Amino acid sequence: MEEVAAVKTEVRRSSFYAHLYLLTSESEVPLLIKHHKTCYRKAAHHCSAAVLSDHDSNRIAEISKNDGEVGHPGKALFGVLHSNGLSSHVLIVSRVYGGTKLGPGGVTRAFKEAGEGAGAGYLNPEFSGASSDTINSKGR
């Protein structure tokens, strides 16, 4: 597993930390989620989506998790992977609650925006989103 992009976005005082990793095995996904739970201890939710493909671009595993968050953020993150043609990747977004409820639609949009920032950072290294900051692998 290799981290290829990381961004932080903020929506109504909630912070969203998005990390994109290159996968070699499906067994890496739970390890990465555990790592995020350690790095972002204040985060209540760690939503994720993963696509693992073989050398012939045949999908062998697709996983998405909402981690108890309202809405469908895992599905939205899965859409980010698909729309950017990212296979053999996992996208994990951790949310630190800022005190304002976003509602199911707002939560889904916020997770998607954070995921798109990480995807854009990977596909276009010169990317500098107006509302996102690049962060290091330790979540800072």
C-alpha atoms as a PDB file:
ATOM      1  CA  MET A   1       0.000   0.000   0.000  1.00  0.00           C
ATOM      2  CA  GLU A   2       1.207   3.427  -0.910  1.00  0.00           C
ATOM      3  CA  GLU A   3      -0.398   6.769  -0.148  1.00  0.00           C
ATOM      4  CA  VAL A   4      -0.645   8.717  -3.389  1.00  0.00           C
ATOM      5  CA  ALA A   5      -2.679  11.771  -2.318  1.00  0.00           C
ATOM      6  CA  ALA A   6      -4.090  13.453   0.782  1.00  0.00           C
ATOM      7  CA  VAL A   7      -6.211  16.572   1.233  1.00  0.00           C
ATOM      8  CA  LYS A   8      -8.177  18.313   3.979  1.00  0.00           C
ATOM      9  CA  THR A   9     -11.433  20.127   3.317  1.00  0.00           C
ATOM     10  CA  GLU A  10     -13.743  21.979   5.678  1.00  0.00           C
ATOM     11  CA  VAL A  11     -17.510  22.235   5.424  1.00  0.00           C
ATOM     12  CA  ARG A  12     -19.416  24.195   8.063  1.00  0.00           C
ATOM     13  CA  ARG A  13     -16.655  23.707  10.670  1.00  0.00           C
ATOM     14  CA  SER A  14     -16.362  19.930  10.094  1.00  0.00           C
ATOM     15  CA  SER A  15     -12.969  18.782   8.831  1.00  0.00           C
ATOM     16  CA  PHE A  16     -12.719  16.042   6.209  1.00  0.00           C
ATOM     17  CA  TYR A  17      -9.368  14.287   5.766  1.00  0.00           C
ATOM     18  CA  ALA A  18      -9.215  12.373   2.480  1.00  0.00           C
ATOM     19  CA  HIS A  19      -6.427   9.928   1.653  1.00  0.00           C
ATOM     20  CA  LEU A  20      -5.999   7.927  -1.541  1.00  0.00           C
ATOM     21  CA  TYR A  21      -3.889   4.762  -1.494  1.00  0.00           C
ATOM     22  CA  LEU A  22      -2.679   2.378  -4.164  1.00  0.00           C
ATOM     23  CA  LEU A  23      -3.621  -1.189  -3.190  1.00  0.00           C
ATOM     24  CA  THR A  24      -1.932  -4.490  -3.838  1.00  0.00           C
ATOM     25  CA  SER A  25      -4.333  -6.643  -1.805  1.00  0.00           C
ATOM     26  CA  GLU A  26      -7.870  -6.484  -0.423  1.00  0.00           C
ATOM     27  CA  SER A  27      -6.473  -7.334   3.025  1.00  0.00           C
ATOM     28  CA  GLU A  28      -4.809  -3.892   3.181  1.00  0.00           C
ATOM     29  CA  VAL A  29      -8.156  -2.046   3.442  1.00  0.00           C
ATOM     30  CA  PRO A  30      -8.929  -2.909   7.097  1.00  0.00           C
ATOM     31  CA  LEU A  31      -5.331  -2.090   8.055  1.00  0.00           C
ATOM     32  CA  LEU A  32      -5.598   1.339   6.451  1.00  0.00           C
ATOM     33  CA  ILE A  33      -8.926   2.055   8.152  1.00  0.00           C
ATOM     34  CA  LYS A  34      -7.378   1.057  11.487  1.00  0.00           C
ATOM     35  CA  HIS A  35      -4.477   3.413  10.736  1.00  0.00           C
ATOM     36  CA  HIS A  36      -6.942   6.255  10.096  1.00  0.00           C
ATOM     37  CA  LYS A  37      -8.730   5.578  13.359  1.00  0.00           C
ATOM     38  CA  THR A  38      -5.365   5.979  15.092  1.00  0.00           C
ATOM     39  CA  CYS A  39      -4.352   9.135  13.185  1.00  0.00           C
ATOM     40  CA  TYR A  40      -7.740  10.821  13.482  1.00  0.00           C
ATOM     41  CA  ARG A  41      -8.872   9.906  16.990  1.00  0.00           C
ATOM     42  CA  LYS A  42     -11.323  12.805  17.126  1.00  0.00           C
ATOM     43  CA  ALA A  43     -13.037  11.636  13.934  1.00  0.00           C
ATOM     44  CA  ALA A  44     -16.378   9.938  14.505  1.00  0.00           C
ATOM     45  CA  HIS A  45     -16.561   8.389  11.034  1.00  0.00           C
ATOM     46  CA  HIS A  46     -14.049   6.894   8.617  1.00  0.00           C
ATOM     47  CA  CYS A  47     -15.891   6.250   5.353  1.00  0.00           C
ATOM     48  CA  SER A  48     -14.181   4.387   2.548  1.00  0.00           C
ATOM     49  CA  ALA A  49     -14.420   2.893  -0.904  1.00  0.00           C
ATOM     50  CA  ALA A  50     -12.029   0.512  -2.616  1.00  0.00           C
ATOM     51  CA  VAL A  51     -11.653  -1.061  -6.032  1.00  0.00           C
ATOM     52  CA  LEU A  52      -9.131  -3.832  -6.581  1.00  0.00           C
ATOM     53  CA  SER A  53      -8.369  -4.979 -10.119  1.00  0.00           C
ATOM     54  CA  ASP A  54      -6.045  -7.575 -11.577  1.00  0.00           C
ATOM     55  CA  HIS A  55      -3.443  -6.918 -14.271  1.00  0.00           C
ATOM     56  CA  ASP A  56      -6.071  -7.212 -17.034  1.00  0.00           C
ATOM     57  CA  SER A  57      -8.245  -4.495 -15.412  1.00  0.00           C
ATOM     58  CA  ASN A  58     -10.818  -7.068 -14.316  1.00  0.00           C
ATOM     59  CA  ARG A  59     -12.406  -5.991 -11.038  1.00  0.00           C
ATOM     60  CA  ILE A  60     -11.928  -8.613  -8.369  1.00  0.00           C
ATOM     61  CA  ALA A  61     -13.169  -6.663  -5.325  1.00  0.00           C
ATOM     62  CA  GLU A  62     -15.297  -3.579  -4.694  1.00  0.00           C
ATOM     63  CA  ILE A  63     -15.909  -2.359  -1.153  1.00  0.00           C
ATOM     64  CA  SER A  64     -17.629   0.708   0.293  1.00  0.00           C
ATOM     65  CA  LYS A  65     -18.362   1.527   3.929  1.00  0.00           C
ATOM     66  CA  ASN A  66     -20.384   4.339   5.524  1.00  0.00           C
ATOM     67  CA  ASP A  67     -19.090   3.671   9.056  1.00  0.00           C
ATOM     68  CA  GLY A  68     -22.409   4.734  10.619  1.00  0.00           C
ATOM     69  CA  GLU A  69     -22.453   8.130   8.902  1.00  0.00           C
ATOM     70  CA  VAL A  70     -25.812   9.423   7.614  1.00  0.00           C
ATOM     71  CA  GLY A  71     -26.433   9.479   3.878  1.00  0.00           C
ATOM     72  CA  HIS A  72     -24.353   7.367   1.532  1.00  0.00           C
ATOM     73  CA  PRO A  73     -20.782   8.696   1.701  1.00  0.00           C
ATOM     74  CA  GLY A  74     -19.218   5.297   0.941  1.00  0.00           C
ATOM     75  CA  LYS A  75     -21.235   5.090  -2.266  1.00  0.00           C
ATOM     76  CA  ALA A  76     -20.217   8.660  -3.174  1.00  0.00           C
ATOM     77  CA  LEU A  77     -16.540   7.810  -2.634  1.00  0.00           C
ATOM     78  CA  PHE A  78     -17.000   4.718  -4.777  1.00  0.00           C
ATOM     79  CA  GLY A  79     -18.356   7.015  -7.498  1.00  0.00           C
ATOM     80  CA  VAL A  80     -15.223   9.174  -7.232  1.00  0.00           C
ATOM     81  CA  LEU A  81     -13.006   6.139  -7.841  1.00  0.00           C
ATOM     82  CA  HIS A  82     -15.098   5.050 -10.824  1.00  0.00           C
ATOM     83  CA  SER A  83     -15.418   8.494 -12.414  1.00  0.00           C
ATOM     84  CA  ASN A  84     -11.642   8.973 -12.253  1.00  0.00           C
ATOM     85  CA  GLY A  85     -10.882   5.486 -13.567  1.00  0.00           C
ATOM     86  CA  LEU A  86      -9.022   4.533 -10.393  1.00  0.00           C
ATOM     87  CA  SER A  87      -8.648   0.800  -9.973  1.00  0.00           C
ATOM     88  CA  SER A  88      -6.579  -0.900  -7.283  1.00  0.00           C
ATOM     89  CA  HIS A  89      -7.119   2.112  -5.031  1.00  0.00           C
ATOM     90  CA  VAL A  90      -8.806   2.822  -1.716  1.00  0.00           C
ATOM     91  CA  LEU A  91     -10.179   6.229  -0.773  1.00  0.00           C
ATOM     92  CA  ILE A  92     -10.656   6.872   2.960  1.00  0.00           C
ATOM     93  CA  VAL A  93     -12.219  10.049   4.340  1.00  0.00           C
ATOM     94  CA  SER A  94     -12.269  10.758   8.073  1.00  0.00           C
ATOM     95  CA  ARG A  95     -14.663  13.408   9.441  1.00  0.00           C
ATOM     96  CA  VAL A  96     -14.023  15.441  12.567  1.00  0.00           C
ATOM     97  CA  TYR A  97     -17.417  16.847  13.544  1.00  0.00           C
ATOM     98  CA  GLY A  98     -17.524  20.627  13.797  1.00  0.00           C
ATOM     99  CA  GLY A  99     -20.791  21.071  15.672  1.00  0.00           C
ATOM    100  CA  THR A 100     -23.136  21.690  12.738  1.00  0.00           C
ATOM    101  CA  LYS A 101     -25.317  18.912  11.344  1.00  0.00           C
ATOM    102  CA  LEU A 102     -25.064  18.685   7.561  1.00  0.00           C
ATOM    103  CA  GLY A 103     -27.971  16.314   6.911  1.00  0.00           C
ATOM    104  CA  PRO A 104     -27.729  13.176   4.747  1.00  0.00           C
ATOM    105  CA  GLY A 105     -27.317  15.046   1.459  1.00  0.00           C
ATOM    106  CA  GLY A 106     -24.832  17.533   2.861  1.00  0.00           C
ATOM    107  CA  VAL A 107     -22.747  14.791   4.442  1.00  0.00           C
ATOM    108  CA  THR A 108     -22.647  12.813   1.205  1.00  0.00           C
ATOM    109  CA  ARG A 109     -21.639  15.921  -0.793  1.00  0.00           C
ATOM    110  CA  ALA A 110     -18.933  16.844   1.734  1.00  0.00           C
ATOM    111  CA  PHE A 111     -17.373  13.366   1.664  1.00  0.00           C
ATOM    112  CA  LYS A 112     -17.552  13.360  -2.136  1.00  0.00           C
ATOM    113  CA  GLU A 113     -15.895  16.791  -2.345  1.00  0.00           C
ATOM    114  CA  ALA A 114     -13.051  15.649  -0.093  1.00  0.00           C
ATOM    115  CA  GLY A 115     -12.620  12.456  -2.122  1.00  0.00           C
ATOM    116  CA  GLU A 116     -12.610  14.404  -5.382  1.00  0.00           C
ATOM    117  CA  GLY A 117      -9.872  16.621  -3.958  1.00  0.00           C
ATOM    118  CA  ALA A 118      -7.683  13.611  -3.239  1.00  0.00           C
ATOM    119  CA  GLY A 119      -8.427  12.164  -6.680  1.00  0.00           C
ATOM    120  CA  ALA A 120      -7.581  15.455  -8.375  1.00  0.00           C
ATOM    121  CA  GLY A 121      -4.391  15.732  -6.339  1.00  0.00           C
ATOM    122  CA  TYR A 122      -3.314  12.308  -7.560  1.00  0.00           C
ATOM    123  CA  LEU A 123      -4.325  12.696 -11.203  1.00  0.00           C
ATOM    124  CA  ASN A 124      -3.079  16.286 -11.464  1.00  0.00           C
ATOM    125  CA  PRO A 125      -0.126  16.931  -9.118  1.00  0.00           C
ATOM    126  CA  GLU A 126      -0.384  20.684  -9.777  1.00  0.00           C
ATOM    127  CA  PHE A 127      -3.959  20.654  -8.385  1.00  0.00           C
ATOM    128  CA  SER A 128      -4.603  23.209  -5.698  1.00  0.00           C
ATOM    129  CA  GLY A 129      -8.281  23.269  -4.814  1.00  0.00           C
ATOM    130  CA  ALA A 130      -9.557  26.549  -3.393  1.00  0.00           C
ATOM    131  CA  SER A 131     -11.133  24.827  -0.416  1.00  0.00           C
ATOM    132  CA  SER A 132      -8.638  22.042   0.193  1.00  0.00           C
ATOM    133  CA  ASP A 133      -5.193  21.770   1.689  1.00  0.00           C
ATOM    134  CA  THR A 134      -2.627  19.077   1.082  1.00  0.00           C
ATOM    135  CA  ILE A 135      -1.796  17.149   4.235  1.00  0.00           C
ATOM    136  CA  ASN A 136       0.938  14.702   5.098  1.00  0.00           C
ATOM    137  CA  SER A 137       0.452  11.029   5.919  1.00  0.00           C
ATOM    138  CA  LYS A 138       0.268  11.769   9.650  1.00  0.00           C
ATOM    139  CA  GLY A 139      -2.882  13.817   9.147  1.00  0.00           C
ATOM    140  CA  ARG A 140      -1.355  17.268   9.524  1.00  0.00           C
END
